[in-house]
C-alpha atoms as a PDB file:
ATOM      1  CA  MET A   1     -44.104  67.550 -29.088  1.00  0.00           C
ATOM      2  CA  THR A   2     -41.722  67.518 -32.047  1.00  0.00           C
ATOM      3  CA  THR A   3     -38.195  68.732 -32.076  1.00  0.00           C
ATOM      4  CA  ALA A   4     -36.601  70.926 -34.704  1.00  0.00           C
ATOM      5  CA  THR A   5     -34.645  67.965 -36.093  1.00  0.00           C
ATOM      6  CA  GLU A   6     -37.799  65.922 -36.673  1.00  0.00           C
ATOM      7  CA  VAL A   7     -39.471  68.819 -38.489  1.00  0.00           C
ATOM      8  CA  LEU A   8     -36.508  69.604 -40.709  1.00  0.00           C
ATOM      9  CA  HIS A   9     -35.375  66.058 -41.376  1.00  0.00           C
ATOM     10  CA  PRO A  10     -38.143  63.483 -41.042  1.00  0.00           C
ATOM     11  CA  LEU A  11     -35.842  60.665 -42.236  1.00  0.00           C
ATOM     12  CA  VAL A  12     -33.326  61.262 -39.468  1.00  0.00           C
ATOM     13  CA  ARG A  13     -35.643  59.973 -36.753  1.00  0.00           C
ATOM     14  CA  PRO A  14     -35.532  56.199 -37.626  1.00  0.00           C
ATOM     15  CA  TYR A  15     -31.756  56.266 -37.835  1.00  0.00           C
ATOM     16  CA  ALA A  16     -31.425  58.230 -34.630  1.00  0.00           C
ATOM     17  CA  LEU A  17     -33.152  55.455 -32.690  1.00  0.00           C
ATOM     18  CA  SER A  18     -31.052  52.685 -34.327  1.00  0.00           C
ATOM     19  CA  SER A  19     -27.983  51.127 -32.832  1.00  0.00           C
ATOM     20  CA  PRO A  20     -24.556  51.819 -34.424  1.00  0.00           C
ATOM     21  CA  LYS A  21     -24.392  48.169 -35.600  1.00  0.00           C
ATOM     22  CA  ARG A  22     -27.702  48.520 -37.440  1.00  0.00           C
ATOM     23  CA  LEU A  23     -26.544  51.784 -39.008  1.00  0.00           C
ATOM     24  CA  ARG A  24     -23.472  50.062 -40.466  1.00  0.00           C
ATOM     25  CA  ARG A  25     -25.612  47.297 -41.940  1.00  0.00           C
ATOM     26  CA  MET A  26     -27.988  49.731 -43.604  1.00  0.00           C
ATOM     27  CA  GLN A  27     -25.287  51.909 -45.170  1.00  0.00           C
ATOM     28  CA  GLY A  28     -24.471  49.608 -48.129  1.00  0.00           C
ATOM     29  CA  THR A  29     -22.763  46.406 -49.212  1.00  0.00           C
ATOM     30  CA  THR A  30     -19.475  45.189 -47.913  1.00  0.00           C
ATOM     31  CA  LEU A  31     -16.537  44.243 -50.090  1.00  0.00           C
ATOM     32  CA  LEU A  32     -17.156  40.563 -49.375  1.00  0.00           C
ATOM     33  CA  GLU A  33     -20.779  40.809 -50.506  1.00  0.00           C
ATOM     34  CA  SER A  34     -19.759  42.599 -53.686  1.00  0.00           C
ATOM     35  CA  LEU A  35     -17.102  39.988 -54.490  1.00  0.00           C
ATOM     36  CA  LEU A  36     -19.567  37.177 -53.856  1.00  0.00           C
ATOM     37  CA  ALA A  37     -22.157  38.790 -56.138  1.00  0.00           C
ATOM     38  CA  MET A  38     -19.555  39.311 -58.863  1.00  0.00           C
ATOM     39  CA  THR A  39     -18.413  35.689 -58.560  1.00  0.00           C
ATOM     40  CA  VAL A  40     -21.974  34.381 -58.910  1.00  0.00           C
ATOM     41  CA  PHE A  41     -22.512  36.672 -61.909  1.00  0.00           C
ATOM     42  CA  PHE A  42     -19.234  35.542 -63.506  1.00  0.00           C
ATOM     43  CA  VAL A  43     -20.100  31.832 -63.082  1.00  0.00           C
ATOM     44  CA  ALA A  44     -23.552  32.447 -64.577  1.00  0.00           C
ATOM     45  CA  MET A  45     -21.986  34.224 -67.565  1.00  0.00           C
ATOM     46  CA  ILE A  46     -19.557  31.334 -68.144  1.00  0.00           C
ATOM     47  CA  ILE A  47     -22.457  28.848 -68.120  1.00  0.00           C
ATOM     48  CA  LEU A  48     -24.462  30.988 -70.554  1.00  0.00           C
ATOM     49  CA  TYR A  49     -21.454  31.338 -72.854  1.00  0.00           C
ATOM     50  CA  ALA A  50     -20.921  27.561 -72.832  1.00  0.00           C
ATOM     51  CA  CYS A  51     -24.585  27.066 -73.739  1.00  0.00           C
ATOM     52  CA  LEU A  52     -24.221  29.571 -76.566  1.00  0.00           C
ATOM     53  CA  LEU A  53     -21.166  27.783 -77.979  1.00  0.00           C
ATOM     54  CA  THR A  54     -22.892  24.412 -77.744  1.00  0.00           C
ATOM     55  CA  SER A  55     -26.001  25.646 -79.526  1.00  0.00           C
ATOM     56  CA  GLN A  56     -23.916  27.294 -82.246  1.00  0.00           C
ATOM     57  CA  SER A  57     -21.962  24.083 -82.791  1.00  0.00           C
ATOM     58  CA  GLN A  58     -25.161  22.011 -82.910  1.00  0.00           C
ATOM     59  CA  SER A  59     -26.624  24.490 -85.377  1.00  0.00           C
ATOM     60  CA  GLU A  60     -23.634  23.960 -87.700  1.00  0.00           C
ATOM     61  CA  VAL A  61     -24.031  20.172 -87.450  1.00  0.00           C
ATOM     62  CA  ASN A  62     -27.751  20.412 -88.232  1.00  0.00           C
ATOM     63  CA  LYS A  63     -27.095  22.756 -91.154  1.00  0.00           C
ATOM     64  CA  ASP A  64     -24.558  20.321 -92.661  1.00  0.00           C
ATOM     65  CA  ARG A  65     -26.976  17.408 -92.152  1.00  0.00           C
ATOM     66  CA  HIS A  66     -29.753  19.333 -93.885  1.00  0.00           C
ATOM     67  CA  ARG A  67     -27.502  20.259 -96.819  1.00  0.00           C
ATOM     68  CA  ALA A  68     -26.364  16.643 -97.182  1.00  0.00           C
ATOM     69  CA  LEU A  69     -30.009  15.539 -97.138  1.00  0.00           C
ATOM     70  CA  GLN A  70     -30.848  18.054 -99.866  1.00  0.00           C
ATOM     71  CA  ASP A  71     -27.924  16.843-101.997  1.00  0.00           C
ATOM     72  CA  SER A  72     -29.014  13.207-101.578  1.00  0.00           C
ATOM     73  CA  ARG A  73     -32.596  14.093-102.486  1.00  0.00           C
ATOM     74  CA  ALA A  74     -31.336  15.935-105.560  1.00  0.00           C
ATOM     75  CA  LEU A  75     -29.541  12.758-106.637  1.00  0.00           C
ATOM     76  CA  LEU A  76     -32.705  10.716-106.045  1.00  0.00           C
ATOM     77  CA  GLU A  77     -34.664  13.157-108.217  1.00  0.00           C
ATOM     78  CA  GLN A  78     -31.985  13.022-110.905  1.00  0.00           C
ATOM     79  CA  MET A  79     -32.149   9.218-110.829  1.00  0.00           C
ATOM     80  CA  ALA A  80     -35.921   9.387-111.337  1.00  0.00           C
ATOM     81  CA  THR A  81     -35.474  11.288-114.609  1.00  0.00           C
ATOM     82  CA  ILE A  82     -32.995   8.812-116.148  1.00  0.00           C
ATOM     83  CA  PRO A  83     -34.418   5.782-117.977  1.00  0.00           C
ATOM     84  CA  ILE A  84     -34.203   2.781-115.680  1.00  0.00           C
ATOM     85  CA  MET A  85     -32.086   0.698-118.085  1.00  0.00           C
ATOM     86  CA  ASN A  86     -29.376   3.421-118.083  1.00  0.00           C
ATOM     87  CA  LEU A  87     -29.151   3.943-114.308  1.00  0.00           C
ATOM     88  CA  GLY A  88     -26.325   1.441-113.838  1.00  0.00           C
ATOM     89  CA  ASP A  89     -24.307   3.130-116.579  1.00  0.00           C
ATOM     90  CA  VAL A  90     -24.853   6.703-115.354  1.00  0.00           C
ATOM     91  CA  PHE A  91     -24.437   5.848-111.649  1.00  0.00           C
ATOM     92  CA  PRO A  92     -22.296   2.697-111.272  1.00  0.00           C
ATOM     93  CA  HIS A  93     -22.786   0.517-108.195  1.00  0.00           C
ATOM     94  CA  ASP A  94     -20.860   1.578-105.052  1.00  0.00           C
ATOM     95  CA  THR A  95     -18.807   4.257-106.840  1.00  0.00           C
ATOM     96  CA  TRP A  96     -18.365   7.846-105.632  1.00  0.00           C
ATOM     97  CA  ILE A  97     -20.095  10.350-107.904  1.00  0.00           C
ATOM     98  CA  PRO A  98     -17.650  13.195-108.645  1.00  0.00           C
ATOM     99  CA  GLU A  99     -20.399  15.759-109.375  1.00  0.00           C
ATOM    100  CA  PHE A 100     -21.586  15.518-105.764  1.00  0.00           C
ATOM    101  CA  ASN A 101     -18.170  15.678-104.062  1.00  0.00           C
ATOM    102  CA  ASP A 102     -17.931  18.728-101.761  1.00  0.00           C
ATOM    103  CA  LEU A 103     -21.094  20.109-103.316  1.00  0.00           C
ATOM    104  CA  HIS A 104     -22.487  21.961-100.273  1.00  0.00           C
ATOM    105  CA  VAL A 105     -20.871  20.219 -97.312  1.00  0.00           C
ATOM    106  CA  ARG A 106     -17.206  19.936 -96.401  1.00  0.00           C
ATOM    107  CA  ASN A 107     -15.621  16.618 -97.486  1.00  0.00           C
ATOM    108  CA  GLN A 108     -18.929  15.272 -98.784  1.00  0.00           C
ATOM    109  CA  ARG A 109     -18.993  12.196-100.994  1.00  0.00           C
ATOM    110  CA  VAL A 110     -22.075  10.544-102.469  1.00  0.00           C
ATOM    111  CA  LYS A 111     -22.511   7.127-104.050  1.00  0.00           C
ATOM    112  CA  VAL A 112     -25.323   4.817-105.160  1.00  0.00           C
ATOM    113  CA  ARG A 113     -25.581   1.194-104.055  1.00  0.00           C
ATOM    114  CA  TYR A 114     -27.982  -1.162-105.781  1.00  0.00           C
ATOM    115  CA  ALA A 115     -29.569  -4.081-103.933  1.00  0.00           C
ATOM    116  CA  ASN A 116     -27.147  -7.037-104.226  1.00  0.00           C
ATOM    117  CA  GLY A 117     -25.182  -4.987-106.772  1.00  0.00           C
ATOM    118  CA  ASP A 118     -27.688  -5.982-109.461  1.00  0.00           C
ATOM    119  CA  THR A 119     -28.615  -3.064-111.729  1.00  0.00           C
ATOM    120  CA  GLU A 120     -30.993  -5.306-113.725  1.00  0.00           C
ATOM    121  CA  ALA A 121     -33.214  -6.292-110.775  1.00  0.00           C
ATOM    122  CA  VAL A 122     -36.980  -5.899-110.975  1.00  0.00           C
ATOM    123  CA  PRO A 123     -37.972  -3.741-109.140  1.00  0.00           C
ATOM    124  CA  LEU A 124     -34.721  -1.853-108.906  1.00  0.00           C
ATOM    125  CA  ALA A 125     -33.964  -1.036-105.260  1.00  0.00           C
ATOM    126  CA  TYR A 126     -31.112   1.326-104.444  1.00  0.00           C
ATOM    127  CA  GLU A 127     -29.590   3.427-101.680  1.00  0.00           C
ATOM    128  CA  VAL A 128     -27.985   6.841-101.908  1.00  0.00           C
ATOM    129  CA  VAL A 129     -25.141   7.016 -99.385  1.00  0.00           C
ATOM    130  CA  SER A 130     -23.775  10.400 -98.347  1.00  0.00           C
ATOM    131  CA  LEU A 131     -20.635  10.782 -96.206  1.00  0.00           C
ATOM    132  CA  TRP A 132     -19.242  14.069 -94.892  1.00  0.00           C
ATOM    133  CA  SER A 133     -17.187  15.615 -92.113  1.00  0.00           C
ATOM    134  CA  THR A 134     -18.927  17.587 -89.381  1.00  0.00           C
ATOM    135  CA  ALA A 135     -17.660  20.893 -87.996  1.00  0.00           C
ATOM    136  CA  HIS A 136     -15.834  18.879 -85.307  1.00  0.00           C
ATOM    137  CA  GLY A 137     -14.074  16.743 -87.924  1.00  0.00           C
ATOM    138  CA  ARG A 138     -16.183  13.627 -87.225  1.00  0.00           C
ATOM    139  CA  GLU A 139     -17.423  11.479 -90.077  1.00  0.00           C
ATOM    140  CA  SER A 140     -21.185  11.459 -90.537  1.00  0.00           C
ATOM    141  CA  GLN A 141     -23.291   9.337 -92.848  1.00  0.00           C
ATOM    142  CA  MET A 142     -26.797   9.361 -94.264  1.00  0.00           C
ATOM    143  CA  VAL A 143     -28.503   6.645 -96.293  1.00  0.00           C
ATOM    144  CA  LEU A 144     -31.682   7.247 -98.328  1.00  0.00           C
ATOM    145  CA  SER A 145     -33.497   4.362 -99.997  1.00  0.00           C
ATOM    146  CA  GLY A 146     -35.393   4.371-103.242  1.00  0.00           C
ATOM    147  CA  ALA A 147     -36.932   1.958-105.720  1.00  0.00           C
ATOM    148  CA  ARG A 148     -38.100   2.020-109.326  1.00  0.00           C
ATOM    149  CA  ALA A 149     -40.234  -0.395-111.244  1.00  0.00           C
ATOM    150  CA  ARG A 150     -39.557  -1.322-114.839  1.00  0.00           C
END
């Protein structure tokens, strides 16, 4: 036989048979549980933010490295168009090239070094050296090698 309470409120029955301790547990979260959840969430957000900053910084470093590589390749291509006997005059050995200073990267300098400093060597081997400052202010360097036959 059912009572009037069970007919009117079918959800009341499970709670009516529960102990007062169980009723308190089922009513919601305590302040301590909420603070603990917020602390875990806050720590997770700090870790995610640190990862975001690190990836952004690494992206800037990679972008500067790529731009420096493109500038060095442009110099290598320019060297390929100049007659080989004039290379030492146009790009002196181990001297910074003013046209490439701060071209696309902060504090970038580019120079050409010939093997043993000899611009008359056969074949002519050379290196394009690019130096620049990273976003963190550290010096970075890239060296590309090339050679031309007479």
